[in-house]
């Protein structure tokens, strides 16, 4: 997967993972923004990690 689309700043997001597509990044960003309170409590789990744990 080519991550040339992502700047170093985007890669600092708490939901970033290598190999993300632009669409995955946007979905993760939207989920993060809706759940910022969970992140502030230190209990945030990115969608990709939740999906990984289900398999």
Protein backbone atom coordinates (compact mmCIF):
# COMPACT_ATOMS: atom_id res chain seq x y z
CA UNK A 1 0.00 0.00 0.00
CA UNK A 2 1.34 3.38 -0.96
CA UNK A 3 1.18 5.96 1.82
CA UNK A 4 2.67 8.79 -0.20
CA UNK A 5 -0.64 10.65 0.15
CA UNK A 6 -0.14 11.07 3.91
CA UNK A 7 2.01 13.83 5.31
CA UNK A 8 4.12 13.27 8.44
CA UNK A 9 1.58 15.35 10.37
CA UNK A 10 -1.31 13.06 9.36
CA UNK A 11 0.75 10.06 10.44
CA UNK A 12 0.87 11.46 13.99
CA UNK A 13 -2.87 10.87 14.47
CA UNK A 14 -3.70 8.38 17.24
CA UNK A 15 -5.64 6.28 14.73
CA UNK A 16 -2.92 6.11 12.05
CA UNK A 17 -1.58 2.77 10.84
CA UNK A 18 0.75 1.93 8.00
CA UNK A 19 -1.06 0.90 4.85
CA UNK A 20 -4.16 3.02 5.41
CA UNK A 21 -6.08 4.24 2.41
CA UNK A 22 -7.40 7.78 2.24
CA UNK A 23 -10.91 6.42 2.82
CA UNK A 24 -9.84 4.47 5.89
CA UNK A 25 -8.12 7.55 7.27
CA UNK A 26 -11.26 9.65 6.76
CA UNK A 27 -13.44 7.02 8.47
CA UNK A 28 -11.03 6.82 11.39
CA UNK A 29 -10.83 10.62 11.67
CA UNK A 30 -14.64 10.90 11.75
CA UNK A 31 -14.89 8.17 14.38
CA UNK A 32 -12.16 9.82 16.45
CA UNK A 33 -13.86 13.22 16.29
CA UNK A 34 -17.16 11.70 17.45
CA UNK A 35 -15.39 9.94 20.32
CA UNK A 36 -12.87 12.54 21.45
CA UNK A 37 -14.14 12.15 25.03
CA UNK A 38 -13.08 8.49 25.03
CA UNK A 39 -9.62 9.49 23.81
CA UNK A 40 -9.33 12.09 26.57
CA UNK A 41 -10.06 9.35 29.11
CA UNK A 42 -7.33 7.17 27.60
CA UNK A 43 -9.75 4.48 26.45
CA UNK A 44 -9.85 5.19 22.71
CA UNK A 45 -9.38 2.23 20.36
CA UNK A 46 -9.19 2.97 16.63
CA UNK A 47 -11.69 1.21 14.37
CA UNK A 48 -8.96 -0.73 12.59
CA UNK A 49 -7.74 -2.12 15.90
CA UNK A 50 -11.28 -3.03 16.98
CA UNK A 51 -11.75 -4.91 13.70
CA UNK A 52 -8.40 -6.62 14.15
CA UNK A 53 -9.43 -7.88 17.59
CA UNK A 54 -12.69 -9.32 16.22
CA UNK A 55 -10.88 -11.61 13.80
